[in-house]
């Protein structure tokens, strides 16, 4: 995909959310969440079908989460953090950007 995007996925609310090569490399970096790498397809599924909650500290941030039965280490959910923003181009046009910032496992009950 152009602009370094791996994919774009529409969520249940009609938002088109994308994942870039740069963000995926950051997520699976050994200092971050390398354990997520085998679950790449689950990231997209979590955006498409998961539940969503707004970030407590960032009104433009959301966590999408979905349970999966086969996650490692007693984890129950994959969490995908997404940032919404609307930057203005030099010509004054407002662009919509909704992109994955990170992904990790978590164990909790819904």
PDB file of N, CA and C in Angstrom:
ATOM      1  N   UNK A   1       0.847  -1.187   0.000  1.00  0.00           N
ATOM      2  CA  UNK A   1       0.000   0.000   0.000  1.00  0.00           C
ATOM      3  C   UNK A   1       0.884   1.239   0.000  1.00  0.00           C
ATOM      4  N   UNK A   2       0.389   2.340  -0.552  1.00  0.00           N
ATOM      5  CA  UNK A   2       1.174   3.572  -0.561  1.00  0.00           C
ATOM      6  C   UNK A   2       1.331   4.150   0.839  1.00  0.00           C
ATOM      7  N   UNK A   3       2.282   5.066   0.966  1.00  0.00           N
ATOM      8  CA  UNK A   3       2.528   5.793   2.211  1.00  0.00           C
ATOM      9  C   UNK A   3       2.959   4.891   3.362  1.00  0.00           C
ATOM     10  N   UNK A   4       3.541   3.733   3.065  1.00  0.00           N
ATOM     11  CA  UNK A   4       4.053   2.875   4.113  1.00  0.00           C
ATOM     12  C   UNK A   4       2.993   2.116   4.882  1.00  0.00           C
ATOM     13  N   UNK A   5       1.775   2.071   4.380  1.00  0.00           N
ATOM     14  CA  UNK A   5       0.698   1.366   5.079  1.00  0.00           C
ATOM     15  C   UNK A   5       0.734  -0.119   4.775  1.00  0.00           C
ATOM     16  N   UNK A   6       0.599  -0.929   5.817  1.00  0.00           N
ATOM     17  CA  UNK A   6       0.452  -2.373   5.640  1.00  0.00           C
ATOM     18  C   UNK A   6      -0.981  -2.717   5.250  1.00  0.00           C
ATOM     19  N   UNK A   7      -1.932  -2.067   5.905  1.00  0.00           N
ATOM     20  CA  UNK A   7      -3.341  -2.267   5.613  1.00  0.00           C
ATOM     21  C   UNK A   7      -4.175  -1.143   6.206  1.00  0.00           C
ATOM     22  N   UNK A   8      -5.398  -1.052   5.720  1.00  0.00           N
ATOM     23  CA  UNK A   8      -6.419  -0.179   6.296  1.00  0.00           C
ATOM     24  C   UNK A   8      -7.631  -1.045   6.568  1.00  0.00           C
ATOM     25  N   UNK A   9      -8.200  -0.885   7.763  1.00  0.00           N
ATOM     26  CA  UNK A   9      -9.342  -1.702   8.171  1.00  0.00           C
ATOM     27  C   UNK A   9     -10.437  -0.800   8.717  1.00  0.00           C
ATOM     28  N   UNK A  10     -11.659  -1.012   8.300  1.00  0.00           N
ATOM     29  CA  UNK A  10     -12.802  -0.256   8.827  1.00  0.00           C
ATOM     30  C   UNK A  10     -13.278  -0.903  10.112  1.00  0.00           C
ATOM     31  N   UNK A  11     -13.490  -0.085  11.152  1.00  0.00           N
ATOM     32  CA  UNK A  11     -14.009  -0.612  12.416  1.00  0.00           C
ATOM     33  C   UNK A  11     -15.530  -0.648  12.390  1.00  0.00           C
ATOM     34  N   UNK A  12     -16.140  -1.100  13.466  1.00  0.00           N
ATOM     35  CA  UNK A  12     -17.606  -1.226  13.556  1.00  0.00           C
ATOM     36  C   UNK A  12     -18.316   0.119  13.559  1.00  0.00           C
ATOM     37  N   UNK A  13     -17.553   1.198  13.726  1.00  0.00           N
ATOM     38  CA  UNK A  13     -18.129   2.539  13.809  1.00  0.00           C
ATOM     39  C   UNK A  13     -17.927   3.322  12.517  1.00  0.00           C
ATOM     40  N   UNK A  14     -17.368   2.672  11.495  1.00  0.00           N
ATOM     41  CA  UNK A  14     -17.161   3.306  10.196  1.00  0.00           C
ATOM     42  C   UNK A  14     -15.844   4.056  10.050  1.00  0.00           C
ATOM     43  N   UNK A  15     -14.934   3.903  10.999  1.00  0.00           N
ATOM     44  CA  UNK A  15     -13.627   4.556  10.926  1.00  0.00           C
ATOM     45  C   UNK A  15     -12.648   3.683  10.155  1.00  0.00           C
ATOM     46  N   UNK A  16     -11.931   4.278   9.204  1.00  0.00           N
ATOM     47  CA  UNK A  16     -10.876   3.576   8.480  1.00  0.00           C
ATOM     48  C   UNK A  16      -9.571   3.782   9.235  1.00  0.00           C
ATOM     49  N   UNK A  17      -9.042   2.707   9.787  1.00  0.00           N
ATOM     50  CA  UNK A  17      -7.846   2.741  10.636  1.00  0.00           C
ATOM     51  C   UNK A  17      -6.740   1.999   9.914  1.00  0.00           C
ATOM     52  N   UNK A  18      -5.539   2.583   9.944  1.00  0.00           N
ATOM     53  CA  UNK A  18      -4.434   1.944   9.229  1.00  0.00           C
ATOM     54  C   UNK A  18      -3.277   1.595  10.156  1.00  0.00           C
ATOM     55  N   UNK A  19      -2.486   0.626   9.687  1.00  0.00           N
ATOM     56  CA  UNK A  19      -1.260   0.206  10.350  1.00  0.00           C
ATOM     57  C   UNK A  19      -0.120   0.425   9.366  1.00  0.00           C
ATOM     58  N   UNK A  20       0.938   1.116   9.798  1.00  0.00           N
ATOM     59  CA  UNK A  20       2.089   1.362   8.937  1.00  0.00           C
ATOM     60  C   UNK A  20       3.200   0.342   9.198  1.00  0.00           C
ATOM     61  N   UNK A  21       4.098   0.238   8.237  1.00  0.00           N
ATOM     62  CA  UNK A  21       5.288  -0.605   8.410  1.00  0.00           C
ATOM     63  C   UNK A  21       6.082  -0.127   9.622  1.00  0.00           C
ATOM     64  N   UNK A  22       6.216   1.192   9.781  1.00  0.00           N
ATOM     65  CA  UNK A  22       6.987   1.754  10.891  1.00  0.00           C
ATOM     66  C   UNK A  22       6.388   1.368  12.233  1.00  0.00           C
ATOM     67  N   UNK A  23       5.069   1.480  12.388  1.00  0.00           N
ATOM     68  CA  UNK A  23       4.423   1.145  13.657  1.00  0.00           C
ATOM     69  C   UNK A  23       4.535  -0.344  13.939  1.00  0.00           C
ATOM     70  N   UNK A  24       4.380  -1.200  12.913  1.00  0.00           N
ATOM     71  CA  UNK A  24       4.492  -2.635  13.130  1.00  0.00           C
ATOM     72  C   UNK A  24       5.906  -2.981  13.584  1.00  0.00           C
ATOM     73  N   UNK A  25       6.918  -2.394  12.947  1.00  0.00           N
ATOM     74  CA  UNK A  25       8.305  -2.629  13.350  1.00  0.00           C
ATOM     75  C   UNK A  25       8.522  -2.181  14.795  1.00  0.00           C
ATOM     76  N   UNK A  26       7.925  -1.065  15.183  1.00  0.00           N
ATOM     77  CA  UNK A  26       8.031  -0.573  16.562  1.00  0.00           C
ATOM     78  C   UNK A  26       7.377  -1.562  17.541  1.00  0.00           C
ATOM     79  N   UNK A  27       6.194  -2.034  17.195  1.00  0.00           N
ATOM     80  CA  UNK A  27       5.454  -2.939  18.082  1.00  0.00           C
ATOM     81  C   UNK A  27       6.245  -4.215  18.336  1.00  0.00           C
ATOM     82  N   UNK A  28       6.788  -4.814  17.280  1.00  0.00           N
ATOM     83  CA  UNK A  28       7.449  -6.117  17.437  1.00  0.00           C
ATOM     84  C   UNK A  28       8.940  -5.994  17.769  1.00  0.00           C
ATOM     85  N   UNK A  29       9.420  -4.794  17.982  1.00  0.00           N
ATOM     86  CA  UNK A  29      10.808  -4.582  18.395  1.00  0.00           C
ATOM     87  C   UNK A  29      11.066  -5.360  19.693  1.00  0.00           C
ATOM     88  N   UNK A  30      12.250  -5.952  19.858  1.00  0.00           N
ATOM     89  CA  UNK A  30      12.542  -6.720  21.079  1.00  0.00           C
ATOM     90  C   UNK A  30      12.355  -5.941  22.381  1.00  0.00           C
ATOM     91  N   UNK A  31      12.450  -4.621  22.340  1.00  0.00           N
ATOM     92  CA  UNK A  31      12.245  -3.811  23.547  1.00  0.00           C
ATOM     93  C   UNK A  31      10.774  -3.477  23.808  1.00  0.00           C
ATOM     94  N   UNK A  32       9.884  -3.868  22.900  1.00  0.00           N
ATOM     95  CA  UNK A  32       8.469  -3.532  23.064  1.00  0.00           C
ATOM     96  C   UNK A  32       7.623  -4.787  23.224  1.00  0.00           C
ATOM     97  N   UNK A  33       6.969  -5.241  22.160  1.00  0.00           N
ATOM     98  CA  UNK A  33       6.050  -6.382  22.265  1.00  0.00           C
ATOM     99  C   UNK A  33       6.313  -7.429  21.189  1.00  0.00           C
ATOM    100  N   UNK A  34       7.515  -8.010  21.153  1.00  0.00           N
ATOM    101  CA  UNK A  34       7.827  -8.992  20.102  1.00  0.00           C
ATOM    102  C   UNK A  34       6.926 -10.224  20.146  1.00  0.00           C
ATOM    103  N   UNK A  35       6.334 -10.501  21.292  1.00  0.00           N
ATOM    104  CA  UNK A  35       5.453 -11.669  21.430  1.00  0.00           C
ATOM    105  C   UNK A  35       4.185 -11.547  20.588  1.00  0.00           C
ATOM    106  N   UNK A  36       3.891 -10.349  20.112  1.00  0.00           N
ATOM    107  CA  UNK A  36       2.681 -10.109  19.316  1.00  0.00           C
ATOM    108  C   UNK A  36       2.877 -10.519  17.854  1.00  0.00           C
ATOM    109  N   UNK A  37       4.115 -10.625  17.400  1.00  0.00           N
ATOM    110  CA  UNK A  37       4.377 -10.853  15.971  1.00  0.00           C
ATOM    111  C   UNK A  37       3.604 -12.027  15.368  1.00  0.00           C
ATOM    112  N   UNK A  38       3.516 -13.194  16.004  1.00  0.00           N
ATOM    113  CA  UNK A  38       2.763 -14.299  15.399  1.00  0.00           C
ATOM    114  C   UNK A  38       1.255 -14.034  15.304  1.00  0.00           C
ATOM    115  N   UNK A  39       0.781 -12.985  15.934  1.00  0.00           N
ATOM    116  CA  UNK A  39      -0.657 -12.694  15.984  1.00  0.00           C
ATOM    117  C   UNK A  39      -1.031 -11.490  15.107  1.00  0.00           C
ATOM    118  N   UNK A  40      -0.236 -11.266  14.068  1.00  0.00           N
ATOM    119  CA  UNK A  40      -0.445 -10.131  13.161  1.00  0.00           C
ATOM    120  C   UNK A  40      -1.885 -10.054  12.657  1.00  0.00           C
ATOM    121  N   UNK A  41      -2.456 -11.176  12.230  1.00  0.00           N
ATOM    122  CA  UNK A  41      -3.822 -11.166  11.696  1.00  0.00           C
ATOM    123  C   UNK A  41      -4.860 -10.810  12.758  1.00  0.00           C
ATOM    124  N   UNK A  42      -4.550 -11.079  14.026  1.00  0.00           N
ATOM    125  CA  UNK A  42      -5.472 -10.738  15.106  1.00  0.00           C
ATOM    126  C   UNK A  42      -5.585  -9.227  15.303  1.00  0.00           C
ATOM    127  N   UNK A  43      -4.546  -8.498  14.933  1.00  0.00           N
ATOM    128  CA  UNK A  43      -4.587  -7.035  15.080  1.00  0.00           C
ATOM    129  C   UNK A  43      -5.703  -6.475  14.196  1.00  0.00           C
ATOM    130  N   UNK A  44      -5.730  -6.893  12.972  1.00  0.00           N
ATOM    131  CA  UNK A  44      -6.764  -6.426  12.039  1.00  0.00           C
ATOM    132  C   UNK A  44      -8.160  -6.879  12.485  1.00  0.00           C
ATOM    133  N   UNK A  45      -8.268  -8.109  12.943  1.00  0.00           N
ATOM    134  CA  UNK A  45      -9.555  -8.621  13.412  1.00  0.00           C
ATOM    135  C   UNK A  45     -10.043  -7.849  14.639  1.00  0.00           C
ATOM    136  N   UNK A  46      -9.118  -7.454  15.494  1.00  0.00           N
ATOM    137  CA  UNK A  46      -9.484  -6.681  16.683  1.00  0.00           C
ATOM    138  C   UNK A  46     -10.046  -5.323  16.281  1.00  0.00           C
ATOM    139  N   UNK A  47      -9.450  -4.682  15.287  1.00  0.00           N
ATOM    140  CA  UNK A  47      -9.988  -3.414  14.790  1.00  0.00           C
ATOM    141  C   UNK A  47     -11.372  -3.632  14.181  1.00  0.00           C
ATOM    142  N   UNK A  48     -11.514  -4.673  13.397  1.00  0.00           N
ATOM    143  CA  UNK A  48     -12.760  -4.916  12.665  1.00  0.00           C
ATOM    144  C   UNK A  48     -13.922  -5.306  13.570  1.00  0.00           C
ATOM    145  N   UNK A  49     -13.660  -6.156  14.573  1.00  0.00           N
ATOM    146  CA  UNK A  49     -14.754  -6.736  15.354  1.00  0.00           C
ATOM    147  C   UNK A  49     -14.702  -6.446  16.850  1.00  0.00           C
ATOM    148  N   UNK A  50     -13.603  -5.879  17.321  1.00  0.00           N
ATOM    149  CA  UNK A  50     -13.425  -5.720  18.759  1.00  0.00           C
ATOM    150  C   UNK A  50     -14.262  -4.616  19.377  1.00  0.00           C
ATOM    151  N   UNK A  51     -14.242  -4.601  20.680  1.00  0.00           N
ATOM    152  CA  UNK A  51     -14.892  -3.541  21.451  1.00  0.00           C
ATOM    153  C   UNK A  51     -13.926  -2.371  21.538  1.00  0.00           C
ATOM    154  N   UNK A  52     -14.436  -1.202  21.905  1.00  0.00           N
ATOM    155  CA  UNK A  52     -13.595  -0.010  21.942  1.00  0.00           C
ATOM    156  C   UNK A  52     -13.888   0.797  23.190  1.00  0.00           C
ATOM    157  N   UNK A  53     -12.816   1.374  23.758  1.00  0.00           N
ATOM    158  CA  UNK A  53     -12.982   2.295  24.880  1.00  0.00           C
ATOM    159  C   UNK A  53     -12.035   3.475  24.659  1.00  0.00           C
ATOM    160  N   UNK A  54     -12.472   4.633  25.119  1.00  0.00           N
ATOM    161  CA  UNK A  54     -11.659   5.836  24.962  1.00  0.00           C
ATOM    162  C   UNK A  54     -10.545   5.853  26.003  1.00  0.00           C
ATOM    163  N   UNK A  55      -9.384   6.350  25.604  1.00  0.00           N
ATOM    164  CA  UNK A  55      -8.248   6.478  26.510  1.00  0.00           C
ATOM    165  C   UNK A  55      -8.596   7.460  27.619  1.00  0.00           C
ATOM    166  N   UNK A  56      -8.241   7.130  28.844  1.00  0.00           N
ATOM    167  CA  UNK A  56      -8.548   7.986  29.987  1.00  0.00           C
ATOM    168  C   UNK A  56      -7.793   9.312  29.954  1.00  0.00           C
ATOM    169  N   UNK A  57      -6.617   9.321  29.327  1.00  0.00           N
ATOM    170  CA  UNK A  57      -5.761  10.503  29.356  1.00  0.00           C
ATOM    171  C   UNK A  57      -5.662  11.235  28.025  1.00  0.00           C
ATOM    172  N   UNK A  58      -6.153  10.635  26.963  1.00  0.00           N
ATOM    173  CA  UNK A  58      -6.059  11.222  25.627  1.00  0.00           C
ATOM    174  C   UNK A  58      -7.415  11.115  24.946  1.00  0.00           C
ATOM    175  N   UNK A  59      -8.131  12.218  24.788  1.00  0.00           N
ATOM    176  CA  UNK A  59      -9.459  12.151  24.176  1.00  0.00           C
ATOM    177  C   UNK A  59      -9.437  11.704  22.713  1.00  0.00           C
ATOM    178  N   UNK A  60      -8.275  11.709  22.082  1.00  0.00           N
ATOM    179  CA  UNK A  60      -8.151  11.246  20.698  1.00  0.00           C
ATOM    180  C   UNK A  60      -7.578   9.834  20.605  1.00  0.00           C
ATOM    181  N   UNK A  61      -7.437   9.169  21.741  1.00  0.00           N
ATOM    182  CA  UNK A  61      -6.904   7.818  21.765  1.00  0.00           C
ATOM    183  C   UNK A  61      -7.973   6.807  22.143  1.00  0.00           C
ATOM    184  N   UNK A  62      -7.905   5.652  21.524  1.00  0.00           N
ATOM    185  CA  UNK A  62      -8.859   4.579  21.789  1.00  0.00           C
ATOM    186  C   UNK A  62      -8.114   3.265  21.899  1.00  0.00           C
ATOM    187  N   UNK A  63      -8.623   2.357  22.724  1.00  0.00           N
ATOM    188  CA  UNK A  63      -8.129   0.990  22.780  1.00  0.00           C
ATOM    189  C   UNK A  63      -9.226   0.079  22.253  1.00  0.00           C
ATOM    190  N   UNK A  64      -8.875  -0.683  21.252  1.00  0.00           N
ATOM    191  CA  UNK A  64      -9.745  -1.727  20.730  1.00  0.00           C
ATOM    192  C   UNK A  64      -9.270  -3.018  21.378  1.00  0.00           C
ATOM    193  N   UNK A  65     -10.190  -3.857  21.792  1.00  0.00           N
ATOM    194  CA  UNK A  65      -9.787  -5.094  22.439  1.00  0.00           C
ATOM    195  C   UNK A  65     -10.736  -6.220  22.057  1.00  0.00           C
ATOM    196  N   UNK A  66     -10.153  -7.407  22.001  1.00  0.00           N
ATOM    197  CA  UNK A  66     -10.928  -8.585  21.613  1.00  0.00           C
ATOM    198  C   UNK A  66     -10.290  -9.801  22.274  1.00  0.00           C
ATOM    199  N   UNK A  67     -11.134 -10.711  22.730  1.00  0.00           N
ATOM    200  CA  UNK A  67     -10.615 -11.936  23.346  1.00  0.00           C
ATOM    201  C   UNK A  67     -10.302 -12.969  22.263  1.00  0.00           C
ATOM    202  N   UNK A  68      -9.275 -13.746  22.544  1.00  0.00           N
ATOM    203  CA  UNK A  68      -8.872 -14.863  21.687  1.00  0.00           C
ATOM    204  C   UNK A  68      -8.499 -16.019  22.608  1.00  0.00           C
ATOM    205  N   UNK A  69      -8.869 -17.238  22.241  1.00  0.00           N
ATOM    206  CA  UNK A  69      -8.631 -18.373  23.140  1.00  0.00           C
ATOM    207  C   UNK A  69      -7.194 -18.882  23.159  1.00  0.00           C
ATOM    208  N   UNK A  70      -6.373 -18.485  22.203  1.00  0.00           N
ATOM    209  CA  UNK A  70      -5.046 -19.095  22.062  1.00  0.00           C
ATOM    210  C   UNK A  70      -3.886 -18.132  22.304  1.00  0.00           C
ATOM    211  N   UNK A  71      -4.086 -17.109  23.111  1.00  0.00           N
ATOM    212  CA  UNK A  71      -3.007 -16.169  23.414  1.00  0.00           C
ATOM    213  C   UNK A  71      -2.064 -16.771  24.455  1.00  0.00           C
ATOM    214  N   UNK A  72      -0.803 -16.371  24.432  1.00  0.00           N
ATOM    215  CA  UNK A  72       0.174 -16.963  25.356  1.00  0.00           C
ATOM    216  C   UNK A  72       0.056 -16.434  26.785  1.00  0.00           C
ATOM    217  N   UNK A  73       0.643 -17.179  27.701  1.00  0.00           N
ATOM    218  CA  UNK A  73       0.846 -16.746  29.091  1.00  0.00           C
ATOM    219  C   UNK A  73      -0.427 -16.315  29.813  1.00  0.00           C
ATOM    220  N   UNK A  74      -1.497 -17.046  29.647  1.00  0.00           N
ATOM    221  CA  UNK A  74      -2.767 -16.772  30.328  1.00  0.00           C
ATOM    222  C   UNK A  74      -3.385 -15.424  29.969  1.00  0.00           C
ATOM    223  N   UNK A  75      -2.950 -14.810  28.876  1.00  0.00           N
ATOM    224  CA  UNK A  75      -3.592 -13.580  28.416  1.00  0.00           C
ATOM    225  C   UNK A  75      -4.920 -13.924  27.771  1.00  0.00           C
ATOM    226  N   UNK A  76      -5.877 -13.030  27.921  1.00  0.00           N
ATOM    227  CA  UNK A  76      -7.210 -13.273  27.376  1.00  0.00           C
ATOM    228  C   UNK A  76      -7.554 -12.373  26.199  1.00  0.00           C
ATOM    229  N   UNK A  77      -6.875 -11.228  26.073  1.00  0.00           N
ATOM    230  CA  UNK A  77      -7.244 -10.233  25.060  1.00  0.00           C
ATOM    231  C   UNK A  77      -6.031  -9.664  24.333  1.00  0.00           C
ATOM    232  N   UNK A  78      -6.284  -9.273  23.101  1.00  0.00           N
ATOM    233  CA  UNK A  78      -5.342  -8.446  22.359  1.00  0.00           C
ATOM    234  C   UNK A  78      -5.874  -7.026  22.431  1.00  0.00           C
ATOM    235  N   UNK A  79      -5.013  -6.073  22.746  1.00  0.00           N
ATOM    236  CA  UNK A  79      -5.388  -4.661  22.833  1.00  0.00           C
ATOM    237  C   UNK A  79      -4.634  -3.921  21.737  1.00  0.00           C
ATOM    238  N   UNK A  80      -5.360  -3.116  20.960  1.00  0.00           N
ATOM    239  CA  UNK A  80      -4.771  -2.323  19.893  1.00  0.00           C
ATOM    240  C   UNK A  80      -5.064  -0.855  20.195  1.00  0.00           C
ATOM    241  N   UNK A  81      -4.011  -0.078  20.402  1.00  0.00           N
ATOM    242  CA  UNK A  81      -4.176   1.352  20.666  1.00  0.00           C
ATOM    243  C   UNK A  81      -4.184   2.102  19.342  1.00  0.00           C
ATOM    244  N   UNK A  82      -5.148   3.010  19.209  1.00  0.00           N
ATOM    245  CA  UNK A  82      -5.341   3.768  17.974  1.00  0.00           C
ATOM    246  C   UNK A  82      -5.425   5.247  18.315  1.00  0.00           C
ATOM    247  N   UNK A  83      -4.828   6.066  17.478  1.00  0.00           N
ATOM    248  CA  UNK A  83      -4.863   7.529  17.657  1.00  0.00           C
ATOM    249  C   UNK A  83      -5.645   8.140  16.504  1.00  0.00           C
ATOM    250  N   UNK A  84      -6.566   9.026  16.836  1.00  0.00           N
ATOM    251  CA  UNK A  84      -7.324   9.786  15.848  1.00  0.00           C
ATOM    252  C   UNK A  84      -6.766  11.201  15.844  1.00  0.00           C
ATOM    253  N   UNK A  85      -6.518  11.750  14.659  1.00  0.00           N
ATOM    254  CA  UNK A  85      -6.107  13.151  14.582  1.00  0.00           C
ATOM    255  C   UNK A  85      -6.519  13.731  13.238  1.00  0.00           C
ATOM    256  N   UNK A  86      -6.578  15.067  13.195  1.00  0.00           N
ATOM    257  CA  UNK A  86      -7.029  15.787  12.029  1.00  0.00           C
ATOM    258  C   UNK A  86      -6.060  16.926  11.723  1.00  0.00           C
ATOM    259  N   UNK A  87      -4.890  16.608  11.143  1.00  0.00           N
ATOM    260  CA  UNK A  87      -3.919  17.662  10.836  1.00  0.00           C
ATOM    261  C   UNK A  87      -4.373  18.509   9.644  1.00  0.00           C
ATOM    262  N   UNK A  88      -3.875  19.729   9.588  1.00  0.00           N
ATOM    263  CA  UNK A  88      -4.183  20.639   8.498  1.00  0.00           C
ATOM    264  C   UNK A  88      -2.975  20.754   7.584  1.00  0.00           C
ATOM    265  N   UNK A  89      -3.185  20.519   6.290  1.00  0.00           N
ATOM    266  CA  UNK A  89      -2.127  20.655   5.295  1.00  0.00           C
ATOM    267  C   UNK A  89      -1.791  22.130   5.094  1.00  0.00           C
ATOM    268  N   UNK A  90      -0.635  22.435   4.497  1.00  0.00           N
ATOM    269  CA  UNK A  90      -0.274  23.840   4.241  1.00  0.00           C
ATOM    270  C   UNK A  90      -1.314  24.600   3.409  1.00  0.00           C
ATOM    271  N   UNK A  91      -2.066  23.881   2.568  1.00  0.00           N
ATOM    272  CA  UNK A  91      -3.099  24.551   1.754  1.00  0.00           C
ATOM    273  C   UNK A  91      -4.416  24.747   2.515  1.00  0.00           C
ATOM    274  N   UNK A  92      -4.438  24.354   3.796  1.00  0.00           N
ATOM    275  CA  UNK A  92      -5.620  24.555   4.625  1.00  0.00           C
ATOM    276  C   UNK A  92      -6.580  23.387   4.652  1.00  0.00           C
ATOM    277  N   UNK A  93      -6.295  22.346   3.899  1.00  0.00           N
ATOM    278  CA  UNK A  93      -7.173  21.175   3.873  1.00  0.00           C
ATOM    279  C   UNK A  93      -6.917  20.316   5.111  1.00  0.00           C
ATOM    280  N   UNK A  94      -8.002  19.911   5.774  1.00  0.00           N
ATOM    281  CA  UNK A  94      -7.908  19.052   6.959  1.00  0.00           C
ATOM    282  C   UNK A  94      -7.926  17.600   6.511  1.00  0.00           C
ATOM    283  N   UNK A  95      -6.943  16.835   6.993  1.00  0.00           N
ATOM    284  CA  UNK A  95      -6.850  15.412   6.705  1.00  0.00           C
ATOM    285  C   UNK A  95      -7.253  14.618   7.933  1.00  0.00           C
ATOM    286  N   UNK A  96      -7.867  13.487   7.704  1.00  0.00           N
ATOM    287  CA  UNK A  96      -8.236  12.587   8.795  1.00  0.00           C
ATOM    288  C   UNK A  96      -7.210  11.469   8.864  1.00  0.00           C
ATOM    289  N   UNK A  97      -6.641  11.247  10.050  1.00  0.00           N
ATOM    290  CA  UNK A  97      -5.689  10.165  10.257  1.00  0.00           C
ATOM    291  C   UNK A  97      -6.128   9.356  11.474  1.00  0.00           C
ATOM    292  N   UNK A  98      -6.278   8.064  11.278  1.00  0.00           N
ATOM    293  CA  UNK A  98      -6.649   7.155  12.363  1.00  0.00           C
ATOM    294  C   UNK A  98      -5.744   5.944  12.220  1.00  0.00           C
ATOM    295  N   UNK A  99      -4.794   5.792  13.150  1.00  0.00           N
ATOM    296  CA  UNK A  99      -3.745   4.809  12.956  1.00  0.00           C
ATOM    297  C   UNK A  99      -3.391   4.065  14.238  1.00  0.00           C
ATOM    298  N   UNK A 100      -2.911   2.846  14.072  1.00  0.00           N
ATOM    299  CA  UNK A 100      -2.464   2.007  15.178  1.00  0.00           C
ATOM    300  C   UNK A 100      -1.154   2.573  15.713  1.00  0.00           C
ATOM    301  N   UNK A 101      -1.075   2.703  17.047  1.00  0.00           N
ATOM    302  CA  UNK A 101       0.171   3.156  17.668  1.00  0.00           C
ATOM    303  C   UNK A 101       0.913   2.014  18.343  1.00  0.00           C
ATOM    304  N   UNK A 102       0.189   1.101  18.982  1.00  0.00           N
ATOM    305  CA  UNK A 102       0.822  -0.061  19.603  1.00  0.00           C
ATOM    306  C   UNK A 102      -0.205  -1.162  19.796  1.00  0.00           C
ATOM    307  N   UNK A 103       0.299  -2.331  20.130  1.00  0.00           N
ATOM    308  CA  UNK A 103      -0.533  -3.519  20.352  1.00  0.00           C
ATOM    309  C   UNK A 103       0.133  -4.366  21.431  1.00  0.00           C
ATOM    310  N   UNK A 104      -0.685  -4.955  22.308  1.00  0.00           N
ATOM    311  CA  UNK A 104      -0.132  -5.789  23.375  1.00  0.00           C
ATOM    312  C   UNK A 104      -1.204  -6.747  23.877  1.00  0.00           C
ATOM    313  N   UNK A 105      -0.779  -7.731  24.660  1.00  0.00           N
ATOM    314  CA  UNK A 105      -1.687  -8.676  25.284  1.00  0.00           C
ATOM    315  C   UNK A 105      -2.077  -8.201  26.667  1.00  0.00           C
ATOM    316  N   UNK A 106      -3.253  -8.618  27.098  1.00  0.00           N
ATOM    317  CA  UNK A 106      -3.699  -8.299  28.449  1.00  0.00           C
ATOM    318  C   UNK A 106      -4.648  -9.399  28.910  1.00  0.00           C
ATOM    319  N   UNK A 107      -4.720  -9.558  30.214  1.00  0.00           N
ATOM    320  CA  UNK A 107      -5.634 -10.531  30.784  1.00  0.00           C
ATOM    321  C   UNK A 107      -6.674  -9.780  31.612  1.00  0.00           C
ATOM    322  N   UNK A 108      -7.936  -9.851  31.192  1.00  0.00           N
ATOM    323  CA  UNK A 108      -9.013  -9.258  31.971  1.00  0.00           C
ATOM    324  C   UNK A 108     -10.333  -9.854  31.551  1.00  0.00           C
ATOM    325  N   UNK A 109     -11.328  -9.626  32.373  1.00  0.00           N
ATOM    326  CA  UNK A 109     -12.683 -10.101  32.099  1.00  0.00           C
ATOM    327  C   UNK A 109     -13.514  -8.924  31.615  1.00  0.00           C
ATOM    328  N   UNK A 110     -14.334  -9.175  30.624  1.00  0.00           N
ATOM    329  CA  UNK A 110     -15.193  -8.114  30.088  1.00  0.00           C
ATOM    330  C   UNK A 110     -16.395  -7.903  30.983  1.00  0.00           C
TER     331      UNK A 110
END
